[in-house]
PDB file of N, CA and C in Angstrom:
ATOM      1  N   MET A   1     -73.952-230.687 -41.115  1.00  0.00           N
ATOM      2  CA  MET A   1     -73.463-229.564 -41.864  1.00  0.00           C
ATOM      3  C   MET A   1     -71.978-229.771 -42.130  1.00  0.00           C
ATOM      4  N   ILE A   2     -71.592-229.439 -43.340  1.00  0.00           N
ATOM      5  CA  ILE A   2     -70.188-229.555 -43.735  1.00  0.00           C
ATOM      6  C   ILE A   2     -69.689-228.182 -44.165  1.00  0.00           C
ATOM      7  N   CYS A   3     -68.577-227.752 -43.569  1.00  0.00           N
ATOM      8  CA  CYS A   3     -67.876-226.549 -44.029  1.00  0.00           C
ATOM      9  C   CYS A   3     -66.726-227.064 -44.889  1.00  0.00           C
ATOM     10  N   ALA A   4     -66.968-227.110 -46.177  1.00  0.00           N
ATOM     11  CA  ALA A   4     -66.071-227.792 -47.112  1.00  0.00           C
ATOM     12  C   ALA A   4     -64.847-226.957 -47.456  1.00  0.00           C
ATOM     13  N   SER A   5     -63.673-227.583 -47.263  1.00  0.00           N
ATOM     14  CA  SER A   5     -62.428-226.910 -47.631  1.00  0.00           C
ATOM     15  C   SER A   5     -61.610-227.717 -48.638  1.00  0.00           C
ATOM     16  N   ARG A   6     -62.013-228.963 -48.897  1.00  0.00           N
ATOM     17  CA  ARG A   6     -61.308-229.825 -49.850  1.00  0.00           C
ATOM     18  C   ARG A   6     -62.315-230.368 -50.856  1.00  0.00           C
ATOM     19  N   PRO A   7     -61.837-230.768 -52.023  1.00  0.00           N
ATOM     20  CA  PRO A   7     -62.760-231.269 -53.053  1.00  0.00           C
ATOM     21  C   PRO A   7     -63.632-232.433 -52.592  1.00  0.00           C
ATOM     22  N   ASP A   8     -63.064-233.343 -51.806  1.00  0.00           N
ATOM     23  CA  ASP A   8     -63.872-234.471 -51.344  1.00  0.00           C
ATOM     24  C   ASP A   8     -64.979-234.002 -50.407  1.00  0.00           C
ATOM     25  N   GLN A   9     -64.710-232.970 -49.616  1.00  0.00           N
ATOM     26  CA  GLN A   9     -65.725-232.436 -48.712  1.00  0.00           C
ATOM     27  C   GLN A   9     -66.839-231.744 -49.497  1.00  0.00           C
ATOM     28  N   VAL A  10     -66.470-231.067 -50.573  1.00  0.00           N
ATOM     29  CA  VAL A  10     -67.477-230.449 -51.442  1.00  0.00           C
ATOM     30  C   VAL A  10     -68.375-231.539 -52.017  1.00  0.00           C
ATOM     31  N   PHE A  11     -67.760-232.611 -52.512  1.00  0.00           N
ATOM     32  CA  PHE A  11     -68.524-233.727 -53.069  1.00  0.00           C
ATOM     33  C   PHE A  11     -69.495-234.282 -52.037  1.00  0.00           C
ATOM     34  N   TRP A  12     -68.985-234.608 -50.843  1.00  0.00           N
ATOM     35  CA  TRP A  12     -69.853-235.203 -49.826  1.00  0.00           C
ATOM     36  C   TRP A  12     -70.886-234.205 -49.316  1.00  0.00           C
ATOM     37  N   GLY A  13     -70.553-232.941 -49.310  1.00  0.00           N
ATOM     38  CA  GLY A  13     -71.541-231.926 -48.942  1.00  0.00           C
ATOM     39  C   GLY A  13     -72.701-231.899 -49.917  1.00  0.00           C
ATOM     40  N   HIS A  14     -72.394-232.032 -51.206  1.00  0.00           N
ATOM     41  CA  HIS A  14     -73.461-232.082 -52.212  1.00  0.00           C
ATOM     42  C   HIS A  14     -74.310-233.341 -52.043  1.00  0.00           C
ATOM     43  N   GLN A  15     -73.656-234.445 -51.688  1.00  0.00           N
ATOM     44  CA  GLN A  15     -74.416-235.680 -51.455  1.00  0.00           C
ATOM     45  C   GLN A  15     -75.341-235.515 -50.250  1.00  0.00           C
ATOM     46  N   LEU A  16     -74.844-234.878 -49.214  1.00  0.00           N
ATOM     47  CA  LEU A  16     -75.642-234.617 -48.018  1.00  0.00           C
ATOM     48  C   LEU A  16     -76.876-233.795 -48.368  1.00  0.00           C
ATOM     49  N   GLU A  17     -76.686-232.766 -49.178  1.00  0.00           N
ATOM     50  CA  GLU A  17     -77.814-231.932 -49.596  1.00  0.00           C
ATOM     51  C   GLU A  17     -78.755-232.696 -50.521  1.00  0.00           C
ATOM     52  N   ARG A  18     -78.199-233.486 -51.423  1.00  0.00           N
ATOM     53  CA  ARG A  18     -79.027-234.269 -52.338  1.00  0.00           C
ATOM     54  C   ARG A  18     -79.939-235.214 -51.569  1.00  0.00           C
ATOM     55  N   LEU A  19     -79.427-235.760 -50.479  1.00  0.00           N
ATOM     56  CA  LEU A  19     -80.206-236.678 -49.646  1.00  0.00           C
ATOM     57  C   LEU A  19     -81.100-235.945 -48.639  1.00  0.00           C
ATOM     58  N   ARG A  20     -81.036-234.630 -48.675  1.00  0.00           N
ATOM     59  CA  ARG A  20     -81.820-233.788 -47.759  1.00  0.00           C
ATOM     60  C   ARG A  20     -81.527-234.122 -46.290  1.00  0.00           C
ATOM     61  N   ALA A  21     -80.249-234.384 -46.007  1.00  0.00           N
ATOM     62  CA  ALA A  21     -79.851-234.757 -44.651  1.00  0.00           C
ATOM     63  C   ALA A  21     -78.926-233.724 -44.015  1.00  0.00           C
ATOM     64  N   GLY A  22     -78.753-232.588 -44.649  1.00  0.00           N
ATOM     65  CA  GLY A  22     -77.893-231.548 -44.103  1.00  0.00           C
ATOM     66  C   GLY A  22     -77.582-230.495 -45.142  1.00  0.00           C
ATOM     67  N   ARG A  23     -76.690-229.618 -44.784  1.00  0.00           N
ATOM     68  CA  ARG A  23     -76.291-228.518 -45.670  1.00  0.00           C
ATOM     69  C   ARG A  23     -74.777-228.446 -45.739  1.00  0.00           C
ATOM     70  N   THR A  24     -74.305-227.777 -46.779  1.00  0.00           N
ATOM     71  CA  THR A  24     -72.871-227.556 -46.923  1.00  0.00           C
ATOM     72  C   THR A  24     -72.613-226.072 -47.150  1.00  0.00           C
ATOM     73  N   LEU A  25     -71.468-225.646 -46.701  1.00  0.00           N
ATOM     74  CA  LEU A  25     -71.063-224.255 -46.838  1.00  0.00           C
ATOM     75  C   LEU A  25     -69.577-224.263 -47.180  1.00  0.00           C
ATOM     76  N   PRO A  26     -69.193-223.634 -48.284  1.00  0.00           N
ATOM     77  CA  PRO A  26     -67.764-223.588 -48.600  1.00  0.00           C
ATOM     78  C   PRO A  26     -67.000-222.887 -47.473  1.00  0.00           C
ATOM     79  N   PHE A  27     -65.907-223.486 -47.043  1.00  0.00           N
ATOM     80  CA  PHE A  27     -65.145-222.918 -45.935  1.00  0.00           C
ATOM     81  C   PHE A  27     -64.732-221.477 -46.224  1.00  0.00           C
ATOM     82  N   ALA A  28     -64.361-221.205 -47.469  1.00  0.00           N
ATOM     83  CA  ALA A  28     -63.931-219.853 -47.839  1.00  0.00           C
ATOM     84  C   ALA A  28     -65.056-218.834 -47.704  1.00  0.00           C
ATOM     85  N   ALA A  29     -66.300-219.304 -47.691  1.00  0.00           N
ATOM     86  CA  ALA A  29     -67.448-218.400 -47.602  1.00  0.00           C
ATOM     87  C   ALA A  29     -68.000-218.279 -46.183  1.00  0.00           C
ATOM     88  N   VAL A  30     -67.348-218.930 -45.215  1.00  0.00           N
ATOM     89  CA  VAL A  30     -67.862-218.913 -43.846  1.00  0.00           C
ATOM     90  C   VAL A  30     -67.692-217.530 -43.231  1.00  0.00           C
ATOM     91  N   THR A  31     -68.802-217.001 -42.810  1.00  0.00           N
ATOM     92  CA  THR A  31     -68.837-215.793 -41.988  1.00  0.00           C
ATOM     93  C   THR A  31     -69.762-216.121 -40.828  1.00  0.00           C
ATOM     94  N   THR A  32     -69.751-215.309 -39.819  1.00  0.00           N
ATOM     95  CA  THR A  32     -70.647-215.553 -38.688  1.00  0.00           C
ATOM     96  C   THR A  32     -72.085-215.600 -39.165  1.00  0.00           C
ATOM     97  N   ARG A  33     -72.461-214.658 -39.998  1.00  0.00           N
ATOM     98  CA  ARG A  33     -73.839-214.584 -40.490  1.00  0.00           C
ATOM     99  C   ARG A  33     -74.214-215.841 -41.286  1.00  0.00           C
ATOM    100  N   ARG A  34     -73.346-216.247 -42.209  1.00  0.00           N
ATOM    101  CA  ARG A  34     -73.646-217.439 -43.026  1.00  0.00           C
ATOM    102  C   ARG A  34     -73.669-218.713 -42.187  1.00  0.00           C
ATOM    103  N   LEU A  35     -72.759-218.806 -41.231  1.00  0.00           N
ATOM    104  CA  LEU A  35     -72.723-219.978 -40.366  1.00  0.00           C
ATOM    105  C   LEU A  35     -74.008-220.081 -39.550  1.00  0.00           C
ATOM    106  N   VAL A  36     -74.422-218.978 -38.961  1.00  0.00           N
ATOM    107  CA  VAL A  36     -75.668-218.963 -38.185  1.00  0.00           C
ATOM    108  C   VAL A  36     -76.856-219.295 -39.079  1.00  0.00           C
ATOM    109  N   ALA A  37     -76.893-218.731 -40.278  1.00  0.00           N
ATOM    110  CA  ALA A  37     -78.007-218.990 -41.201  1.00  0.00           C
ATOM    111  C   ALA A  37     -78.049-220.456 -41.624  1.00  0.00           C
ATOM    112  N   THR A  38     -76.893-221.041 -41.900  1.00  0.00           N
ATOM    113  CA  THR A  38     -76.855-222.435 -42.343  1.00  0.00           C
ATOM    114  C   THR A  38     -77.238-223.379 -41.212  1.00  0.00           C
ATOM    115  N   VAL A  39     -76.716-223.132 -40.021  1.00  0.00           N
ATOM    116  CA  VAL A  39     -77.109-223.953 -38.870  1.00  0.00           C
ATOM    117  C   VAL A  39     -78.607-223.801 -38.626  1.00  0.00           C
ATOM    118  N   GLY A  40     -79.111-222.579 -38.712  1.00  0.00           N
ATOM    119  CA  GLY A  40     -80.547-222.345 -38.542  1.00  0.00           C
ATOM    120  C   GLY A  40     -81.374-223.096 -39.566  1.00  0.00           C
ATOM    121  N   ALA A  41     -80.902-223.126 -40.803  1.00  0.00           N
ATOM    122  CA  ALA A  41     -81.625-223.837 -41.860  1.00  0.00           C
ATOM    123  C   ALA A  41     -81.654-225.340 -41.589  1.00  0.00           C
ATOM    124  N   VAL A  42     -80.527-225.873 -41.129  1.00  0.00           N
ATOM    125  CA  VAL A  42     -80.473-227.306 -40.816  1.00  0.00           C
ATOM    126  C   VAL A  42     -81.440-227.633 -39.686  1.00  0.00           C
ATOM    127  N   LEU A  43     -81.488-226.785 -38.689  1.00  0.00           N
ATOM    128  CA  LEU A  43     -82.376-227.035 -37.550  1.00  0.00           C
ATOM    129  C   LEU A  43     -83.838-226.827 -37.909  1.00  0.00           C
ATOM    130  N   ALA A  44     -84.104-225.961 -38.880  1.00  0.00           N
ATOM    131  CA  ALA A  44     -85.487-225.642 -39.241  1.00  0.00           C
ATOM    132  C   ALA A  44     -86.101-226.658 -40.197  1.00  0.00           C
ATOM    133  N   ASP A  45     -85.290-227.266 -41.045  1.00  0.00           N
ATOM    134  CA  ASP A  45     -85.865-228.207 -42.002  1.00  0.00           C
ATOM    135  C   ASP A  45     -85.838-229.628 -41.434  1.00  0.00           C
ATOM    136  N   ARG A  46     -86.098-230.593 -42.262  1.00  0.00           N
ATOM    137  CA  ARG A  46     -86.192-231.981 -41.818  1.00  0.00           C
ATOM    138  C   ARG A  46     -84.850-232.705 -41.854  1.00  0.00           C
ATOM    139  N   SER A  47     -83.747-231.977 -41.883  1.00  0.00           N
ATOM    140  CA  SER A  47     -82.421-232.600 -42.008  1.00  0.00           C
ATOM    141  C   SER A  47     -82.159-233.636 -40.922  1.00  0.00           C
ATOM    142  N   ARG A  48     -82.460-233.295 -39.688  1.00  0.00           N
ATOM    143  CA  ARG A  48     -82.192-234.226 -38.591  1.00  0.00           C
ATOM    144  C   ARG A  48     -83.016-235.500 -38.746  1.00  0.00           C
ATOM    145  N   GLU A  49     -84.296-235.322 -39.043  1.00  0.00           N
ATOM    146  CA  GLU A  49     -85.178-236.478 -39.236  1.00  0.00           C
ATOM    147  C   GLU A  49     -84.704-237.330 -40.410  1.00  0.00           C
ATOM    148  N   ARG A  50     -84.348-236.676 -41.490  1.00  0.00           N
ATOM    149  CA  ARG A  50     -83.887-237.392 -42.683  1.00  0.00           C
ATOM    150  C   ARG A  50     -82.570-238.126 -42.401  1.00  0.00           C
ATOM    151  N   ALA A  51     -81.657-237.492 -41.656  1.00  0.00           N
ATOM    152  CA  ALA A  51     -80.393-238.143 -41.299  1.00  0.00           C
ATOM    153  C   ALA A  51     -80.654-239.393 -40.463  1.00  0.00           C
ATOM    154  N   ARG A  52     -81.608-239.315 -39.551  1.00  0.00           N
ATOM    155  CA  ARG A  52     -81.954-240.496 -38.743  1.00  0.00           C
ATOM    156  C   ARG A  52     -82.528-241.608 -39.618  1.00  0.00           C
ATOM    157  N   GLU A  53     -83.380-241.237 -40.571  1.00  0.00           N
ATOM    158  CA  GLU A  53     -83.941-242.236 -41.485  1.00  0.00           C
ATOM    159  C   GLU A  53     -82.824-242.953 -42.242  1.00  0.00           C
ATOM    160  N   LEU A  54     -81.887-242.170 -42.759  1.00  0.00           N
ATOM    161  CA  LEU A  54     -80.783-242.755 -43.523  1.00  0.00           C
ATOM    162  C   LEU A  54     -79.884-243.610 -42.636  1.00  0.00           C
ATOM    163  N   ALA A  55     -79.630-243.152 -41.419  1.00  0.00           N
ATOM    164  CA  ALA A  55     -78.789-243.921 -40.497  1.00  0.00           C
ATOM    165  C   ALA A  55     -79.418-245.274 -40.193  1.00  0.00           C
ATOM    166  N   GLY A  56     -80.734-245.304 -40.105  1.00  0.00           N
ATOM    167  CA  GLY A  56     -81.421-246.557 -39.845  1.00  0.00           C
ATOM    168  C   GLY A  56     -81.290-247.549 -40.984  1.00  0.00           C
ATOM    169  N   ARG A  57     -81.021-247.049 -42.177  1.00  0.00           N
ATOM    170  CA  ARG A  57     -80.873-247.919 -43.349  1.00  0.00           C
ATOM    171  C   ARG A  57     -79.451-248.443 -43.505  1.00  0.00           C
ATOM    172  N   LEU A  58     -78.528-247.871 -42.768  1.00  0.00           N
ATOM    173  CA  LEU A  58     -77.132-248.298 -42.856  1.00  0.00           C
ATOM    174  C   LEU A  58     -76.845-249.353 -41.799  1.00  0.00           C
ATOM    175  N   HIS A  59     -76.114-250.332 -42.180  1.00  0.00           N
ATOM    176  CA  HIS A  59     -75.680-251.358 -41.239  1.00  0.00           C
ATOM    177  C   HIS A  59     -74.170-251.260 -41.161  1.00  0.00           C
ATOM    178  N   GLN A  60     -73.656-251.147 -39.952  1.00  0.00           N
ATOM    179  CA  GLN A  60     -72.225-250.907 -39.775  1.00  0.00           C
ATOM    180  C   GLN A  60     -71.364-251.932 -40.504  1.00  0.00           C
ATOM    181  N   GLU A  61     -71.685-253.202 -40.390  1.00  0.00           N
ATOM    182  CA  GLU A  61     -70.825-254.195 -41.030  1.00  0.00           C
ATOM    183  C   GLU A  61     -70.841-254.051 -42.543  1.00  0.00           C
ATOM    184  N   HIS A  62     -71.970-253.677 -43.115  1.00  0.00           N
ATOM    185  CA  HIS A  62     -72.037-253.472 -44.561  1.00  0.00           C
ATOM    186  C   HIS A  62     -71.264-252.216 -44.960  1.00  0.00           C
ATOM    187  N   ALA A  63     -71.317-251.194 -44.127  1.00  0.00           N
ATOM    188  CA  ALA A  63     -70.609-249.953 -44.428  1.00  0.00           C
ATOM    189  C   ALA A  63     -69.101-250.179 -44.428  1.00  0.00           C
ATOM    190  N   VAL A  64     -68.616-250.950 -43.491  1.00  0.00           N
ATOM    191  CA  VAL A  64     -67.178-251.227 -43.416  1.00  0.00           C
ATOM    192  C   VAL A  64     -66.728-252.015 -44.642  1.00  0.00           C
ATOM    193  N   VAL A  65     -67.496-253.009 -45.030  1.00  0.00           N
ATOM    194  CA  VAL A  65     -67.159-253.808 -46.212  1.00  0.00           C
ATOM    195  C   VAL A  65     -67.184-252.930 -47.460  1.00  0.00           C
ATOM    196  N   ALA A  66     -68.199-252.087 -47.585  1.00  0.00           N
ATOM    197  CA  ALA A  66     -68.303-251.204 -48.749  1.00  0.00           C
ATOM    198  C   ALA A  66     -67.126-250.234 -48.799  1.00  0.00           C
ATOM    199  N   ALA A  67     -66.743-249.675 -47.649  1.00  0.00           N
ATOM    200  CA  ALA A  67     -65.610-248.749 -47.610  1.00  0.00           C
ATOM    201  C   ALA A  67     -64.315-249.465 -47.994  1.00  0.00           C
ATOM    202  N   ALA A  68     -64.113-250.661 -47.475  1.00  0.00           N
ATOM    203  CA  ALA A  68     -62.907-251.430 -47.811  1.00  0.00           C
ATOM    204  C   ALA A  68     -62.870-251.755 -49.297  1.00  0.00           C
ATOM    205  N   ASN A  69     -64.008-252.134 -49.858  1.00  0.00           N
ATOM    206  CA  ASN A  69     -64.070-252.430 -51.294  1.00  0.00           C
ATOM    207  C   ASN A  69     -63.750-251.199 -52.126  1.00  0.00           C
ATOM    208  N   LEU A  70     -64.241-250.042 -51.693  1.00  0.00           N
ATOM    209  CA  LEU A  70     -63.969-248.800 -52.411  1.00  0.00           C
ATOM    210  C   LEU A  70     -62.478-248.479 -52.391  1.00  0.00           C
ATOM    211  N   VAL A  71     -61.862-248.572 -51.213  1.00  0.00           N
ATOM    212  CA  VAL A  71     -60.431-248.288 -51.099  1.00  0.00           C
ATOM    213  C   VAL A  71     -59.633-249.251 -51.979  1.00  0.00           C
ATOM    214  N   GLU A  72     -59.988-250.518 -51.959  1.00  0.00           N
ATOM    215  CA  GLU A  72     -59.281-251.497 -52.786  1.00  0.00           C
ATOM    216  C   GLU A  72     -59.468-251.222 -54.279  1.00  0.00           C
ATOM    217  N   ALA A  73     -60.660-250.821 -54.679  1.00  0.00           N
ATOM    218  CA  ALA A  73     -60.913-250.521 -56.092  1.00  0.00           C
ATOM    219  C   ALA A  73     -60.095-249.320 -56.550  1.00  0.00           C
ATOM    220  N   VAL A  74     -60.044-248.290 -55.719  1.00  0.00           N
ATOM    221  CA  VAL A  74     -59.261-247.103 -56.072  1.00  0.00           C
ATOM    222  C   VAL A  74     -57.783-247.467 -56.125  1.00  0.00           C
ATOM    223  N   ARG A  75     -57.342-248.287 -55.206  1.00  0.00           N
ATOM    224  CA  ARG A  75     -55.939-248.704 -55.175  1.00  0.00           C
ATOM    225  C   ARG A  75     -55.567-249.452 -56.464  1.00  0.00           C
ATOM    226  N   ARG A  76     -56.473-250.293 -56.957  1.00  0.00           N
ATOM    227  CA  ARG A  76     -56.215-251.023 -58.209  1.00  0.00           C
ATOM    228  C   ARG A  76     -56.130-250.058 -59.391  1.00  0.00           C
ATOM    229  N   GLU A  77     -56.942-249.009 -59.365  1.00  0.00           N
ATOM    230  CA  GLU A  77     -56.943-248.038 -60.464  1.00  0.00           C
ATOM    231  C   GLU A  77     -55.722-247.138 -60.425  1.00  0.00           C
ATOM    232  N   ARG A  78     -55.140-246.951 -59.248  1.00  0.00           N
ATOM    233  CA  ARG A  78     -54.001-246.042 -59.080  1.00  0.00           C
ATOM    234  C   ARG A  78     -52.832-246.767 -58.422  1.00  0.00           C
ATOM    235  N   PRO A  79     -52.265-247.753 -59.074  1.00  0.00           N
ATOM    236  CA  PRO A  79     -51.154-248.485 -58.453  1.00  0.00           C
ATOM    237  C   PRO A  79     -49.967-247.566 -58.196  1.00  0.00           C
ATOM    238  N   GLY A  80     -49.333-247.781 -57.067  1.00  0.00           N
ATOM    239  CA  GLY A  80     -48.157-246.986 -56.727  1.00  0.00           C
ATOM    240  C   GLY A  80     -48.472-245.663 -56.077  1.00  0.00           C
ATOM    241  N   THR A  81     -49.735-245.326 -55.937  1.00  0.00           N
ATOM    242  CA  THR A  81     -50.114-244.072 -55.297  1.00  0.00           C
ATOM    243  C   THR A  81     -49.999-244.240 -53.790  1.00  0.00           C
ATOM    244  N   ALA A  82     -49.284-243.337 -53.148  1.00  0.00           N
ATOM    245  CA  ALA A  82     -49.107-243.428 -51.699  1.00  0.00           C
ATOM    246  C   ALA A  82     -50.443-243.311 -50.975  1.00  0.00           C
ATOM    247  N   ASP A  83     -51.269-242.389 -51.409  1.00  0.00           N
ATOM    248  CA  ASP A  83     -52.584-242.184 -50.797  1.00  0.00           C
ATOM    249  C   ASP A  83     -53.630-242.466 -51.864  1.00  0.00           C
ATOM    250  N   PRO A  84     -54.250-243.641 -51.844  1.00  0.00           N
ATOM    251  CA  PRO A  84     -55.170-244.008 -52.923  1.00  0.00           C
ATOM    252  C   PRO A  84     -56.411-243.132 -53.001  1.00  0.00           C
ATOM    253  N   LEU A  85     -56.700-242.396 -51.947  1.00  0.00           N
ATOM    254  CA  LEU A  85     -57.883-241.538 -51.974  1.00  0.00           C
ATOM    255  C   LEU A  85     -57.545-240.082 -52.245  1.00  0.00           C
ATOM    256  N   ALA A  86     -56.276-239.774 -52.431  1.00  0.00           N
ATOM    257  CA  ALA A  86     -55.876-238.397 -52.703  1.00  0.00           C
ATOM    258  C   ALA A  86     -56.477-237.940 -54.023  1.00  0.00           C
ATOM    259  N   LEU A  87     -57.071-236.763 -54.009  1.00  0.00           N
ATOM    260  CA  LEU A  87     -57.745-236.254 -55.203  1.00  0.00           C
ATOM    261  C   LEU A  87     -56.826-235.425 -56.087  1.00  0.00           C
ATOM    262  N   ASP A  88     -55.608-235.169 -55.626  1.00  0.00           N
ATOM    263  CA  ASP A  88     -54.718-234.319 -56.402  1.00  0.00           C
ATOM    264  C   ASP A  88     -53.761-235.112 -57.290  1.00  0.00           C
ATOM    265  N   HIS A  89     -53.974-236.421 -57.398  1.00  0.00           N
ATOM    266  CA  HIS A  89     -53.155-237.242 -58.289  1.00  0.00           C
ATOM    267  C   HIS A  89     -53.840-237.349 -59.643  1.00  0.00           C
ATOM    268  N   PRO A  90     -53.050-237.513 -60.721  1.00  0.00           N
ATOM    269  CA  PRO A  90     -53.655-237.641 -62.059  1.00  0.00           C
ATOM    270  C   PRO A  90     -54.491-238.894 -62.193  1.00  0.00           C
TER     271      PRO A  90
END
């Protein structure tokens, strides 16, 4: 479950839901009732099972290489940016 407060968290929360591996809740919308309901939904559906299935398909060494390639690609697209993953840059 992701309580999204930044644009990147919203994006990854949607990916999590698209893969049926969890739920997302906007941080601004968090209340006790919504938090309990969202956690309950995650526990009630196949999210845990689906997350395990996806984890089994990931290989750590491939994930590290993919992450490094992504950071390098973004850095090439945004030369001079202090934080290449910052979403608030033009």
